[in-house]
Amino acid sequence: MKNVSISNKRILVQGYTNINFLAQGSFVTCFTATNSENIQVVITVSNDVQELQTRLNMSQKLAGLEGVQQFSHLKQLVVSDEDLEQFNKLYSQEFEKDNLFALVGPYYEQNLISFVKQLKMKQKLELFNKILKIVNSIHSKNVYHMDLKPSNIMIQNNQPILIDFGQAVTDQEVQVVLNTSAYAPKHDVYSCMILSEKFDSYCLGNILHELYIGQPLASPLANIDKLKQIIGEQAASCIFGLTFYQQEFRYSPTSCLNHPLFNENTSLEEFNNANRIIVSRFPSNLLSRNQSSISRNYSYTNVYQGVSKGKMKALCDLGGIEALSEIQSCTLSVETSVADAFI
C-alpha cells in the first residue's frame, strides 16, 4: 500500500501534514512537515539508503550528547508510477520507485549565520565556544563531521545543534573526502592521508573567520599580520592556528578550548608555549604520508640540506603562532629543505 502521493503539485506522506519543500542537496531532498503529535519535523528523502543509514547510525552513536541532531527512524516510501513521475518533475530528481527512503528528524528554524546577525562579537564567541565543545564531544566518540559549515549548525533555544552527518566518518585518518564546501581545506584532499580531526579544525577556523569578517577564507593565510590589524592578535592567532596549511600542525578543537580567546585564565604567551612547535627533526611519518603532496608544492633534494642550526633554534624559540606564521610563509627552492618550512 502506497504511503506517498502527489496532489495539486504537493507531496503527501502518510502520517504527516503541512508538507513543504525545504532544501535539496546532492543526494537528498528535504521537506518540513507536521507529525501526528503536531510537532514540526524534517523528512529527508533519498534513493541512497546508505547515505540515510549513515546519518541514522551517527545519530545513534552520538545519542545522549547535547547539541547533536537526532533522528527517530528510517522508513521506505511506497509510491505509484504516476506519483513518482510527478514527484521527479516537481523537484528535478530521478528517484527510483523501488528504492525510495525517508529519514525523519527534528526541524530547526535558524542556522548559525542568520542567528548571529543580531549578536555582538562577545556573544558570537560564546556561541562558537559552545560549538567547539560539541565538536570536541563528538570527537571523543570517534565521530568526525567532515562537513562543518554555518548551514550545518542550527540554533534551538539559543543553543547550537550540529546537523547533516552524511559525510561523517569514524576513522581518525581517511583517504577520500567528497567535500567541495567553501569551508573545507581543499588542499587536504591531495594528501595521501587526511586527518579527520584536523579537517574539522580547518572548517571551524573558517567559521570563526566568517563570524569576524563575514566570509570564509579563500585559502590558508600566509601570515597573520593583516588579520591581526583588523581583528586583534588573539582572534587572528586562533584562526591562523585552526586553518594552518599543514594539517598535522593545526590546533585541535580540544587545544582551542584553552586558547585565551575562550579561556580568560590563559594568556596568549602561555598558550603559545603549550602549543609551540618543537621539532628536532623533520617528522618521518609526515614525509611518508604526505610525500606526494609535498613534492607537488615544493622542490627539495634532501630533508636537511640548507637548514642552519641558527634558523632551527630561531624558529623553535619563536614558538606558538609566530612560529606557524614564519613556517607557513617560507619560500622554498631546490637549495632549501622541506624541513625549513615545517620546523
C-alpha atoms as a PDB file:
ATOM      1  CA  MET A   1       0.000   0.000   0.000  1.00  0.00           C
ATOM      2  CA  LYS A   2       1.459   3.344  -1.026  1.00  0.00           C
ATOM      3  CA  ASN A   3       2.358   5.865   1.693  1.00  0.00           C
ATOM      4  CA  VAL A   4       3.426   8.715  -0.614  1.00  0.00           C
ATOM      5  CA  SER A   5       1.386  10.537  -3.264  1.00  0.00           C
ATOM      6  CA  ILE A   6       1.260  13.806  -5.201  1.00  0.00           C
ATOM      7  CA  SER A   7      -1.783  16.072  -5.199  1.00  0.00           C
ATOM      8  CA  ASN A   8      -2.016  19.572  -6.686  1.00  0.00           C
ATOM      9  CA  LYS A   9       1.771  19.634  -7.088  1.00  0.00           C
ATOM     10  CA  ARG A  10       2.311  18.852  -3.405  1.00  0.00           C
ATOM     11  CA  ILE A  11       3.836  15.754  -1.876  1.00  0.00           C
ATOM     12  CA  LEU A  12       1.679  13.824   0.598  1.00  0.00           C
ATOM     13  CA  VAL A  13       3.229  11.402   3.095  1.00  0.00           C
ATOM     14  CA  GLN A  14       1.059   9.155   5.204  1.00  0.00           C
ATOM     15  CA  GLY A  15       1.012  10.282   8.841  1.00  0.00           C
ATOM     16  CA  TYR A  16       2.227  13.826   8.103  1.00  0.00           C
ATOM     17  CA  THR A  17       0.566  17.123   7.194  1.00  0.00           C
ATOM     18  CA  ASN A  18       1.683  20.612   6.084  1.00  0.00           C
ATOM     19  CA  ILE A  19       4.478  19.186   3.936  1.00  0.00           C
ATOM     20  CA  ASN A  20       6.630  21.833   2.241  1.00  0.00           C
ATOM     21  CA  PHE A  21       9.876  21.761   0.288  1.00  0.00           C
ATOM     22  CA  LEU A  22      12.838  22.894   2.415  1.00  0.00           C
ATOM     23  CA  ALA A  23      16.128  22.212   0.626  1.00  0.00           C
ATOM     24  CA  GLN A  24      17.861  19.996  -1.887  1.00  0.00           C
ATOM     25  CA  GLY A  25      21.353  18.549  -1.705  1.00  0.00           C
ATOM     26  CA  SER A  26      23.485  16.297  -3.861  1.00  0.00           C
ATOM     27  CA  PHE A  27      21.917  13.107  -2.536  1.00  0.00           C
ATOM     28  CA  VAL A  28      18.809  14.170  -0.615  1.00  0.00           C
ATOM     29  CA  THR A  29      15.679  16.314  -0.799  1.00  0.00           C
ATOM     30  CA  CYS A  30      14.299  17.735   2.453  1.00  0.00           C
ATOM     31  CA  PHE A  31      10.763  18.715   3.428  1.00  0.00           C
ATOM     32  CA  THR A  32       9.264  20.248   6.531  1.00  0.00           C
ATOM     33  CA  ALA A  33       6.157  18.531   7.874  1.00  0.00           C
ATOM     34  CA  THR A  34       3.936  18.196  10.920  1.00  0.00           C
ATOM     35  CA  ASN A  35       3.664  14.757  12.514  1.00  0.00           C
ATOM     36  CA  SER A  36       0.699  13.158  14.278  1.00  0.00           C
ATOM     37  CA  GLU A  37       1.773  14.770  17.571  1.00  0.00           C
ATOM     38  CA  ASN A  38       1.606  18.222  15.945  1.00  0.00           C
ATOM     39  CA  ILE A  39       5.397  18.604  16.072  1.00  0.00           C
ATOM     40  CA  GLN A  40       7.267  20.094  13.122  1.00  0.00           C
ATOM     41  CA  VAL A  41       9.855  17.729  11.654  1.00  0.00           C
ATOM     42  CA  VAL A  42      12.128  17.375   8.631  1.00  0.00           C
ATOM     43  CA  ILE A  43      11.632  14.485   6.208  1.00  0.00           C
ATOM     44  CA  THR A  44      14.831  13.718   4.290  1.00  0.00           C
ATOM     45  CA  VAL A  45      14.125  11.730   1.107  1.00  0.00           C
ATOM     46  CA  SER A  46      16.727   9.868  -0.949  1.00  0.00           C
ATOM     47  CA  ASN A  47      17.349   6.874  -3.196  1.00  0.00           C
ATOM     48  CA  ASP A  48      20.678   6.456  -1.422  1.00  0.00           C
ATOM     49  CA  VAL A  49      19.677   4.372   1.581  1.00  0.00           C
ATOM     50  CA  GLN A  50      23.332   4.139   2.628  1.00  0.00           C
ATOM     51  CA  GLU A  51      23.501   7.945   2.867  1.00  0.00           C
ATOM     52  CA  LEU A  52      20.450   7.993   5.134  1.00  0.00           C
ATOM     53  CA  GLN A  53      21.637   4.978   7.112  1.00  0.00           C
ATOM     54  CA  THR A  54      24.950   6.744   7.802  1.00  0.00           C
ATOM     55  CA  ARG A  55      23.083   9.714   9.252  1.00  0.00           C
ATOM     56  CA  LEU A  56      20.925   7.436  11.389  1.00  0.00           C
ATOM     57  CA  ASN A  57      23.927   5.396  12.577  1.00  0.00           C
ATOM     58  CA  MET A  58      25.834   8.535  13.569  1.00  0.00           C
ATOM     59  CA  SER A  59      22.760   9.828  15.376  1.00  0.00           C
ATOM     60  CA  GLN A  60      22.528   6.587  17.349  1.00  0.00           C
ATOM     61  CA  LYS A  61      26.272   6.569  18.091  1.00  0.00           C
ATOM     62  CA  LEU A  62      26.012  10.107  19.470  1.00  0.00           C
ATOM     63  CA  ALA A  63      22.776   9.521  21.389  1.00  0.00           C
ATOM     64  CA  GLY A  64      22.807  11.375  24.685  1.00  0.00           C
ATOM     65  CA  LEU A  65      25.204  14.114  23.567  1.00  0.00           C
ATOM     66  CA  GLU A  66      23.848  17.645  23.654  1.00  0.00           C
ATOM     67  CA  GLY A  67      23.984  19.742  20.512  1.00  0.00           C
ATOM     68  CA  VAL A  68      23.656  16.891  18.001  1.00  0.00           C
ATOM     69  CA  GLN A  69      20.749  16.222  15.638  1.00  0.00           C
ATOM     70  CA  GLN A  70      18.837  13.050  16.493  1.00  0.00           C
ATOM     71  CA  PHE A  71      16.783  11.016  14.010  1.00  0.00           C
ATOM     72  CA  SER A  72      13.801   8.931  15.012  1.00  0.00           C
ATOM     73  CA  HIS A  73      13.549   6.340  12.249  1.00  0.00           C
ATOM     74  CA  LEU A  74      14.255   5.351   8.651  1.00  0.00           C
ATOM     75  CA  LYS A  75      11.333   4.189   6.524  1.00  0.00           C
ATOM     76  CA  GLN A  76      10.788   3.036   2.959  1.00  0.00           C
ATOM     77  CA  LEU A  77       8.420   5.114   0.840  1.00  0.00           C
ATOM     78  CA  VAL A  78       5.930   3.350  -1.398  1.00  0.00           C
ATOM     79  CA  VAL A  79       4.749   5.418  -4.369  1.00  0.00           C
ATOM     80  CA  SER A  80       2.833   4.780  -7.593  1.00  0.00           C
ATOM     81  CA  ASP A  81       4.451   5.187 -11.014  1.00  0.00           C
ATOM     82  CA  GLU A  82       2.282   8.207 -11.782  1.00  0.00           C
ATOM     83  CA  ASP A  83       3.025   9.954  -8.497  1.00  0.00           C
ATOM     84  CA  LEU A  84       6.742   9.223  -8.785  1.00  0.00           C
ATOM     85  CA  GLU A  85       6.824  10.791 -12.242  1.00  0.00           C
ATOM     86  CA  GLN A  86       5.169  13.952 -10.882  1.00  0.00           C
ATOM     87  CA  PHE A  87       7.486  13.958  -7.872  1.00  0.00           C
ATOM     88  CA  ASN A  88      10.605  13.800 -10.047  1.00  0.00           C
ATOM     89  CA  LYS A  89       9.328  16.613 -12.276  1.00  0.00           C
ATOM     90  CA  LEU A  90       8.470  18.803  -9.301  1.00  0.00           C
ATOM     91  CA  TYR A  91      11.896  18.508  -7.693  1.00  0.00           C
ATOM     92  CA  SER A  92      14.088  17.832 -10.755  1.00  0.00           C
ATOM     93  CA  GLN A  93      15.061  14.450  -9.404  1.00  0.00           C
ATOM     94  CA  GLU A  94      15.430  10.949 -10.772  1.00  0.00           C
ATOM     95  CA  PHE A  95      14.140   8.977  -7.815  1.00  0.00           C
ATOM     96  CA  GLU A  96      13.587   5.265  -8.362  1.00  0.00           C
ATOM     97  CA  LYS A  97      10.309   3.704  -7.302  1.00  0.00           C
ATOM     98  CA  ASP A  98      11.584   0.603  -5.510  1.00  0.00           C
ATOM     99  CA  ASN A  99      14.432   2.268  -3.660  1.00  0.00           C
ATOM    100  CA  LEU A 100      12.963   5.390  -2.078  1.00  0.00           C
ATOM    101  CA  PHE A 101      13.589   6.041   1.613  1.00  0.00           C
ATOM    102  CA  ALA A 102      12.924   8.780   4.145  1.00  0.00           C
ATOM    103  CA  LEU A 103      14.641   9.763   7.378  1.00  0.00           C
ATOM    104  CA  VAL A 104      12.621  11.729   9.930  1.00  0.00           C
ATOM    105  CA  GLY A 105      14.243  14.171  12.333  1.00  0.00           C
ATOM    106  CA  PRO A 106      13.631  17.431  14.219  1.00  0.00           C
ATOM    107  CA  TYR A 107      13.186  20.763  12.469  1.00  0.00           C
ATOM    108  CA  TYR A 108      15.315  23.784  13.421  1.00  0.00           C
ATOM    109  CA  GLU A 109      14.252  27.207  12.239  1.00  0.00           C
ATOM    110  CA  GLN A 110      17.538  29.160  12.205  1.00  0.00           C
ATOM    111  CA  ASN A 111      21.067  28.391  11.113  1.00  0.00           C
ATOM    112  CA  LEU A 112      24.195  29.945  12.567  1.00  0.00           C
ATOM    113  CA  ILE A 113      24.648  32.871  10.171  1.00  0.00           C
ATOM    114  CA  SER A 114      21.059  34.100  10.308  1.00  0.00           C
ATOM    115  CA  PHE A 115      21.137  33.870  14.114  1.00  0.00           C
ATOM    116  CA  VAL A 116      24.413  35.727  14.738  1.00  0.00           C
ATOM    117  CA  LYS A 117      23.336  38.781  12.751  1.00  0.00           C
ATOM    118  CA  GLN A 118      21.695  40.074  15.911  1.00  0.00           C
ATOM    119  CA  LEU A 119      24.652  39.291  18.190  1.00  0.00           C
ATOM    120  CA  LYS A 120      27.637  41.311  19.345  1.00  0.00           C
ATOM    121  CA  MET A 121      31.122  39.832  18.923  1.00  0.00           C
ATOM    122  CA  LYS A 122      31.348  38.693  22.538  1.00  0.00           C
ATOM    123  CA  GLN A 123      28.100  36.757  22.131  1.00  0.00           C
ATOM    124  CA  LYS A 124      29.329  35.250  18.853  1.00  0.00           C
ATOM    125  CA  LEU A 125      32.454  33.987  20.616  1.00  0.00           C
ATOM    126  CA  GLU A 126      30.381  32.492  23.426  1.00  0.00           C
ATOM    127  CA  LEU A 127      28.336  30.658  20.800  1.00  0.00           C
ATOM    128  CA  PHE A 128      31.457  29.494  18.954  1.00  0.00           C
ATOM    129  CA  ASN A 129      32.859  28.219  22.248  1.00  0.00           C
ATOM    130  CA  LYS A 130      29.751  26.044  22.586  1.00  0.00           C
ATOM    131  CA  ILE A 131      30.283  24.766  19.039  1.00  0.00           C
ATOM    132  CA  LEU A 132      33.878  23.871  19.912  1.00  0.00           C
ATOM    133  CA  LYS A 133      32.661  21.879  22.906  1.00  0.00           C
ATOM    134  CA  ILE A 134      30.100  19.995  20.792  1.00  0.00           C
ATOM    135  CA  VAL A 135      32.717  19.136  18.157  1.00  0.00           C
ATOM    136  CA  ASN A 136      35.100  18.073  20.908  1.00  0.00           C
ATOM    137  CA  SER A 137      32.400  15.819  22.384  1.00  0.00           C
ATOM    138  CA  ILE A 138      31.661  14.067  19.071  1.00  0.00           C
ATOM    139  CA  HIS A 139      35.396  13.587  18.521  1.00  0.00           C
ATOM    140  CA  SER A 140      35.550  11.889  21.927  1.00  0.00           C
ATOM    141  CA  LYS A 141      33.124   9.332  20.449  1.00  0.00           C
ATOM    142  CA  ASN A 142      35.408   8.894  17.411  1.00  0.00           C
ATOM    143  CA  VAL A 143      32.961  10.682  15.129  1.00  0.00           C
ATOM    144  CA  TYR A 144      34.292  13.360  12.773  1.00  0.00           C
ATOM    145  CA  HIS A 145      31.753  15.553  10.995  1.00  0.00           C
ATOM    146  CA  MET A 146      33.820  16.401   7.857  1.00  0.00           C
ATOM    147  CA  ASP A 147      31.299  18.988   6.632  1.00  0.00           C
ATOM    148  CA  LEU A 148      31.157  21.693   9.289  1.00  0.00           C
ATOM    149  CA  LYS A 149      29.728  24.941   7.924  1.00  0.00           C
ATOM    150  CA  PRO A 150      27.160  27.529   9.079  1.00  0.00           C
ATOM    151  CA  SER A 151      24.279  25.849   7.231  1.00  0.00           C
ATOM    152  CA  ASN A 152      25.009  22.638   9.167  1.00  0.00           C
ATOM    153  CA  ILE A 153      24.889  24.407  12.521  1.00  0.00           C
ATOM    154  CA  MET A 154      21.348  25.174  13.586  1.00  0.00           C
ATOM    155  CA  ILE A 155      20.110  27.110  16.612  1.00  0.00           C
ATOM    156  CA  GLN A 156      17.450  25.978  19.063  1.00  0.00           C
ATOM    157  CA  ASN A 157      16.723  27.959  22.233  1.00  0.00           C
ATOM    158  CA  ASN A 158      19.981  29.898  21.692  1.00  0.00           C
ATOM    159  CA  GLN A 159      21.968  26.644  21.636  1.00  0.00           C
ATOM    160  CA  PRO A 160      23.907  25.329  18.595  1.00  0.00           C
ATOM    161  CA  ILE A 161      22.913  21.982  17.070  1.00  0.00           C
ATOM    162  CA  LEU A 162      25.112  20.090  14.589  1.00  0.00           C
ATOM    163  CA  ILE A 163      23.173  18.544  11.706  1.00  0.00           C
ATOM    164  CA  ASP A 164      23.878  16.634   8.475  1.00  0.00           C
ATOM    165  CA  PHE A 165      26.263  13.837   9.373  1.00  0.00           C
ATOM    166  CA  GLY A 166      26.056  12.473   5.835  1.00  0.00           C
ATOM    167  CA  GLN A 167      29.839  12.803   5.333  1.00  0.00           C
ATOM    168  CA  ALA A 168      30.813  11.901   8.893  1.00  0.00           C
ATOM    169  CA  VAL A 169      33.453   9.231   9.494  1.00  0.00           C
ATOM    170  CA  THR A 170      34.594   7.200  12.479  1.00  0.00           C
ATOM    171  CA  ASP A 171      38.203   6.818  11.359  1.00  0.00           C
ATOM    172  CA  GLN A 172      40.916   9.180  12.571  1.00  0.00           C
ATOM    173  CA  GLU A 173      42.529   9.004   9.142  1.00  0.00           C
ATOM    174  CA  VAL A 174      40.734   8.743   5.800  1.00  0.00           C
ATOM    175  CA  GLN A 175      41.930   8.694   2.216  1.00  0.00           C
ATOM    176  CA  VAL A 176      38.990  10.322   0.434  1.00  0.00           C
ATOM    177  CA  VAL A 177      36.703  13.218   1.390  1.00  0.00           C
ATOM    178  CA  LEU A 178      33.983  14.324  -1.037  1.00  0.00           C
ATOM    179  CA  ASN A 179      33.624  17.883   0.175  1.00  0.00           C
ATOM    180  CA  THR A 180      33.697  20.966  -2.053  1.00  0.00           C
ATOM    181  CA  SER A 181      32.399  23.340   0.620  1.00  0.00           C
ATOM    182  CA  ALA A 182      33.977  26.789   0.850  1.00  0.00           C
ATOM    183  CA  TYR A 183      34.747  25.969   4.489  1.00  0.00           C
ATOM    184  CA  ALA A 184      36.708  22.766   3.824  1.00  0.00           C
ATOM    185  CA  PRO A 185      40.506  22.536   3.370  1.00  0.00           C
ATOM    186  CA  LYS A 186      40.605  21.652  -0.310  1.00  0.00           C
ATOM    187  CA  HIS A 187      44.376  21.174  -0.227  1.00  0.00           C
ATOM    188  CA  ASP A 188      43.956  18.328   2.290  1.00  0.00           C
ATOM    189  CA  VAL A 189      42.324  16.112  -0.321  1.00  0.00           C
ATOM    190  CA  TYR A 190      45.672  15.942  -2.150  1.00  0.00           C
ATOM    191  CA  SER A 191      47.308  14.348   0.875  1.00  0.00           C
ATOM    192  CA  CYS A 192      47.907  10.621   0.944  1.00  0.00           C
ATOM    193  CA  MET A 193      46.020  10.569   4.229  1.00  0.00           C
ATOM    194  CA  ILE A 194      43.546  13.075   5.673  1.00  0.00           C
ATOM    195  CA  LEU A 195      43.448  13.620   9.438  1.00  0.00           C
ATOM    196  CA  SER A 196      39.753  13.716  10.304  1.00  0.00           C
ATOM    197  CA  GLU A 197      40.099  15.783  13.486  1.00  0.00           C
ATOM    198  CA  LYS A 198      42.218  18.426  11.773  1.00  0.00           C
ATOM    199  CA  PHE A 199      39.846  18.532   8.795  1.00  0.00           C
ATOM    200  CA  ASP A 200      37.131  19.598  11.242  1.00  0.00           C
ATOM    201  CA  SER A 201      39.583  22.087  12.785  1.00  0.00           C
ATOM    202  CA  TYR A 202      40.040  23.868   9.467  1.00  0.00           C
ATOM    203  CA  CYS A 203      36.281  24.130   8.962  1.00  0.00           C
ATOM    204  CA  LEU A 204      35.917  25.566  12.469  1.00  0.00           C
ATOM    205  CA  GLY A 205      38.623  28.141  11.768  1.00  0.00           C
ATOM    206  CA  ASN A 206      36.794  29.196   8.627  1.00  0.00           C
ATOM    207  CA  ILE A 207      33.529  29.549  10.538  1.00  0.00           C
ATOM    208  CA  LEU A 208      35.299  31.695  13.147  1.00  0.00           C
ATOM    209  CA  HIS A 209      36.792  33.820  10.354  1.00  0.00           C
ATOM    210  CA  GLU A 210      33.303  34.377   8.944  1.00  0.00           C
ATOM    211  CA  LEU A 211      31.974  35.412  12.359  1.00  0.00           C
ATOM    212  CA  TYR A 212      34.611  38.173  12.374  1.00  0.00           C
ATOM    213  CA  ILE A 213      34.989  39.108   8.702  1.00  0.00           C
ATOM    214  CA  GLY A 214      31.712  37.999   7.130  1.00  0.00           C
ATOM    215  CA  GLN A 215      33.106  35.324   4.815  1.00  0.00           C
ATOM    216  CA  PRO A 216      35.319  32.215   4.946  1.00  0.00           C
ATOM    217  CA  LEU A 217      38.968  32.240   3.923  1.00  0.00           C
ATOM    218  CA  ALA A 218      39.631  31.802   0.225  1.00  0.00           C
ATOM    219  CA  SER A 219      42.830  29.905   1.080  1.00  0.00           C
ATOM    220  CA  PRO A 220      45.105  29.392   4.108  1.00  0.00           C
ATOM    221  CA  LEU A 221      46.771  32.557   5.372  1.00  0.00           C
ATOM    222  CA  ALA A 222      50.434  33.091   4.518  1.00  0.00           C
ATOM    223  CA  ASN A 223      50.830  35.171   7.678  1.00  0.00           C
ATOM    224  CA  ILE A 224      48.615  36.851  10.237  1.00  0.00           C
ATOM    225  CA  ASP A 225      49.870  40.440  10.180  1.00  0.00           C
ATOM    226  CA  LYS A 226      46.947  41.947   8.245  1.00  0.00           C
ATOM    227  CA  LEU A 227      44.373  39.890  10.117  1.00  0.00           C
ATOM    228  CA  LYS A 228      45.881  40.972  13.459  1.00  0.00           C
ATOM    229  CA  GLN A 229      45.405  44.610  12.457  1.00  0.00           C
ATOM    230  CA  ILE A 230      41.727  44.006  11.690  1.00  0.00           C
ATOM    231  CA  ILE A 231      40.517  41.688  14.466  1.00  0.00           C
ATOM    232  CA  GLY A 232      43.315  41.681  17.044  1.00  0.00           C
ATOM    233  CA  GLU A 233      46.138  39.335  17.937  1.00  0.00           C
ATOM    234  CA  GLN A 234      44.172  36.740  19.911  1.00  0.00           C
ATOM    235  CA  ALA A 235      41.465  36.189  17.304  1.00  0.00           C
ATOM    236  CA  ALA A 236      43.980  36.165  14.446  1.00  0.00           C
ATOM    237  CA  SER A 237      46.198  33.623  16.197  1.00  0.00           C
ATOM    238  CA  CYS A 238      43.245  31.317  16.836  1.00  0.00           C
ATOM    239  CA  ILE A 239      42.022  31.439  13.227  1.00  0.00           C
ATOM    240  CA  PHE A 240      45.542  31.004  11.879  1.00  0.00           C
ATOM    241  CA  GLY A 241      46.227  28.007  14.113  1.00  0.00           C
ATOM    242  CA  LEU A 242      42.962  26.290  13.190  1.00  0.00           C
ATOM    243  CA  THR A 243      43.402  26.837   9.449  1.00  0.00           C
ATOM    244  CA  PHE A 244      47.138  26.248   9.153  1.00  0.00           C
ATOM    245  CA  TYR A 245      48.016  24.756   5.760  1.00  0.00           C
ATOM    246  CA  GLN A 246      49.768  21.642   7.053  1.00  0.00           C
ATOM    247  CA  GLN A 247      47.135  19.575   8.817  1.00  0.00           C
ATOM    248  CA  GLU A 248      49.471  17.985  11.397  1.00  0.00           C
ATOM    249  CA  PHE A 249      50.173  21.388  12.936  1.00  0.00           C
ATOM    250  CA  ARG A 250      46.627  22.755  13.196  1.00  0.00           C
ATOM    251  CA  TYR A 251      45.080  23.343  16.582  1.00  0.00           C
ATOM    252  CA  SER A 252      42.688  20.621  17.633  1.00  0.00           C
ATOM    253  CA  PRO A 253      39.240  21.618  18.965  1.00  0.00           C
ATOM    254  CA  THR A 254      40.443  20.427  22.389  1.00  0.00           C
ATOM    255  CA  SER A 255      43.501  22.685  22.438  1.00  0.00           C
ATOM    256  CA  CYS A 256      41.471  25.560  21.005  1.00  0.00           C
ATOM    257  CA  LEU A 257      39.178  25.470  24.046  1.00  0.00           C
ATOM    258  CA  ASN A 258      42.195  26.603  26.086  1.00  0.00           C
ATOM    259  CA  HIS A 259      43.022  29.469  23.736  1.00  0.00           C
ATOM    260  CA  PRO A 260      42.798  32.861  25.508  1.00  0.00           C
ATOM    261  CA  LEU A 261      40.034  33.830  23.107  1.00  0.00           C
ATOM    262  CA  PHE A 262      37.855  31.356  25.031  1.00  0.00           C
ATOM    263  CA  ASN A 263      39.749  30.879  28.294  1.00  0.00           C
ATOM    264  CA  GLU A 264      40.439  34.100  30.166  1.00  0.00           C
ATOM    265  CA  ASN A 265      42.726  32.253  32.593  1.00  0.00           C
ATOM    266  CA  THR A 266      45.257  31.573  29.821  1.00  0.00           C
ATOM    267  CA  SER A 267      47.465  34.233  28.274  1.00  0.00           C
ATOM    268  CA  LEU A 268      48.459  34.100  24.630  1.00  0.00           C
ATOM    269  CA  GLU A 269      52.075  33.601  25.668  1.00  0.00           C
ATOM    270  CA  GLU A 270      51.139  30.642  27.872  1.00  0.00           C
ATOM    271  CA  PHE A 271      49.012  29.126  25.124  1.00  0.00           C
ATOM    272  CA  ASN A 272      51.780  29.564  22.552  1.00  0.00           C
ATOM    273  CA  ASN A 273      54.302  27.924  24.861  1.00  0.00           C
ATOM    274  CA  ALA A 274      51.959  24.988  25.467  1.00  0.00           C
ATOM    275  CA  ASN A 275      51.292  24.563  21.748  1.00  0.00           C
ATOM    276  CA  ARG A 276      54.638  25.561  20.328  1.00  0.00           C
ATOM    277  CA  ILE A 277      56.206  23.565  17.536  1.00  0.00           C
ATOM    278  CA  ILE A 278      59.360  21.934  18.828  1.00  0.00           C
ATOM    279  CA  VAL A 279      60.703  19.608  16.141  1.00  0.00           C
ATOM    280  CA  SER A 280      64.299  18.457  16.321  1.00  0.00           C
ATOM    281  CA  ARG A 281      63.952  16.577  13.055  1.00  0.00           C
ATOM    282  CA  PHE A 282      61.555  16.519  10.120  1.00  0.00           C
ATOM    283  CA  PRO A 283      58.673  14.167  11.091  1.00  0.00           C
ATOM    284  CA  SER A 284      59.219  10.958   9.127  1.00  0.00           C
ATOM    285  CA  ASN A 285      55.565   9.983   9.350  1.00  0.00           C
ATOM    286  CA  LEU A 286      54.583  13.308   7.767  1.00  0.00           C
ATOM    287  CA  LEU A 287      57.067  12.790   4.948  1.00  0.00           C
ATOM    288  CA  SER A 288      55.879   9.256   4.226  1.00  0.00           C
ATOM    289  CA  ARG A 289      52.188  10.091   4.411  1.00  0.00           C
ATOM    290  CA  ASN A 290      52.281  13.370   2.522  1.00  0.00           C
ATOM    291  CA  GLN A 291      55.266  12.938   0.235  1.00  0.00           C
ATOM    292  CA  SER A 292      53.163  13.166  -2.911  1.00  0.00           C
ATOM    293  CA  SER A 293      51.551  16.356  -1.642  1.00  0.00           C
ATOM    294  CA  ILE A 294      54.861  17.898  -0.640  1.00  0.00           C
ATOM    295  CA  SER A 295      56.542  17.064  -3.934  1.00  0.00           C
ATOM    296  CA  ARG A 296      53.773  18.851  -5.838  1.00  0.00           C
ATOM    297  CA  ASN A 297      54.305  22.043  -3.891  1.00  0.00           C
ATOM    298  CA  TYR A 298      57.994  22.145  -3.069  1.00  0.00           C
ATOM    299  CA  SER A 299      61.303  21.316  -4.708  1.00  0.00           C
ATOM    300  CA  TYR A 300      63.880  19.666  -2.491  1.00  0.00           C
ATOM    301  CA  THR A 301      66.975  17.479  -2.683  1.00  0.00           C
ATOM    302  CA  ASN A 302      67.212  16.022   0.809  1.00  0.00           C
ATOM    303  CA  VAL A 303      65.493  16.774   4.057  1.00  0.00           C
ATOM    304  CA  TYR A 304      68.248  18.604   5.891  1.00  0.00           C
ATOM    305  CA  GLN A 305      70.080  20.381   3.083  1.00  0.00           C
ATOM    306  CA  GLY A 306      70.489  24.070   3.782  1.00  0.00           C
ATOM    307  CA  VAL A 307      68.874  24.097   7.239  1.00  0.00           C
ATOM    308  CA  SER A 308      71.071  26.090   9.560  1.00  0.00           C
ATOM    309  CA  LYS A 309      71.164  25.326  13.279  1.00  0.00           C
ATOM    310  CA  GLY A 310      70.596  29.012  13.896  1.00  0.00           C
ATOM    311  CA  LYS A 311      67.357  29.035  11.919  1.00  0.00           C
ATOM    312  CA  MET A 312      66.172  25.855  13.632  1.00  0.00           C
ATOM    313  CA  LYS A 313      66.721  27.430  17.041  1.00  0.00           C
ATOM    314  CA  ALA A 314      65.194  30.738  15.999  1.00  0.00           C
ATOM    315  CA  LEU A 315      62.012  29.103  14.755  1.00  0.00           C
ATOM    316  CA  CYS A 316      61.677  26.937  17.842  1.00  0.00           C
ATOM    317  CA  ASP A 317      62.313  29.926  20.099  1.00  0.00           C
ATOM    318  CA  LEU A 318      59.542  31.843  18.365  1.00  0.00           C
ATOM    319  CA  GLY A 319      57.052  29.198  19.436  1.00  0.00           C
ATOM    320  CA  GLY A 320      53.308  29.168  19.003  1.00  0.00           C
ATOM    321  CA  ILE A 321      51.631  31.223  16.348  1.00  0.00           C
ATOM    322  CA  GLU A 322      54.705  33.257  15.456  1.00  0.00           C
ATOM    323  CA  ALA A 323      56.471  30.031  14.512  1.00  0.00           C
ATOM    324  CA  LEU A 324      53.492  28.915  12.475  1.00  0.00           C
ATOM    325  CA  SER A 325      53.489  32.212  10.599  1.00  0.00           C
ATOM    326  CA  GLU A 326      57.199  32.005   9.920  1.00  0.00           C
ATOM    327  CA  ILE A 327      56.905  28.380   8.852  1.00  0.00           C
ATOM    328  CA  GLN A 328      53.996  28.889   6.526  1.00  0.00           C
ATOM    329  CA  SER A 329      55.472  31.945   4.799  1.00  0.00           C
ATOM    330  CA  CYS A 330      58.807  30.262   3.983  1.00  0.00           C
ATOM    331  CA  THR A 331      59.705  30.234   0.297  1.00  0.00           C
ATOM    332  CA  LEU A 332      61.351  27.000  -0.766  1.00  0.00           C
ATOM    333  CA  SER A 333      63.688  26.314  -3.656  1.00  0.00           C
ATOM    334  CA  VAL A 334      65.866  23.447  -4.838  1.00  0.00           C
ATOM    335  CA  GLU A 335      68.553  24.577  -2.396  1.00  0.00           C
ATOM    336  CA  THR A 336      66.134  24.795   0.524  1.00  0.00           C
ATOM    337  CA  SER A 337      64.970  21.849   2.557  1.00  0.00           C
ATOM    338  CA  VAL A 338      61.359  20.924   3.128  1.00  0.00           C
ATOM    339  CA  ALA A 339      62.300  20.829   6.799  1.00  0.00           C
ATOM    340  CA  ASP A 340      62.856  24.603   6.636  1.00  0.00           C
ATOM    341  CA  ALA A 341      59.153  25.094   6.184  1.00  0.00           C
ATOM    342  CA  PHE A 342      57.950  22.853   8.982  1.00  0.00           C
ATOM    343  CA  ILE A 343      60.404  23.236  11.869  1.00  0.00           C
END
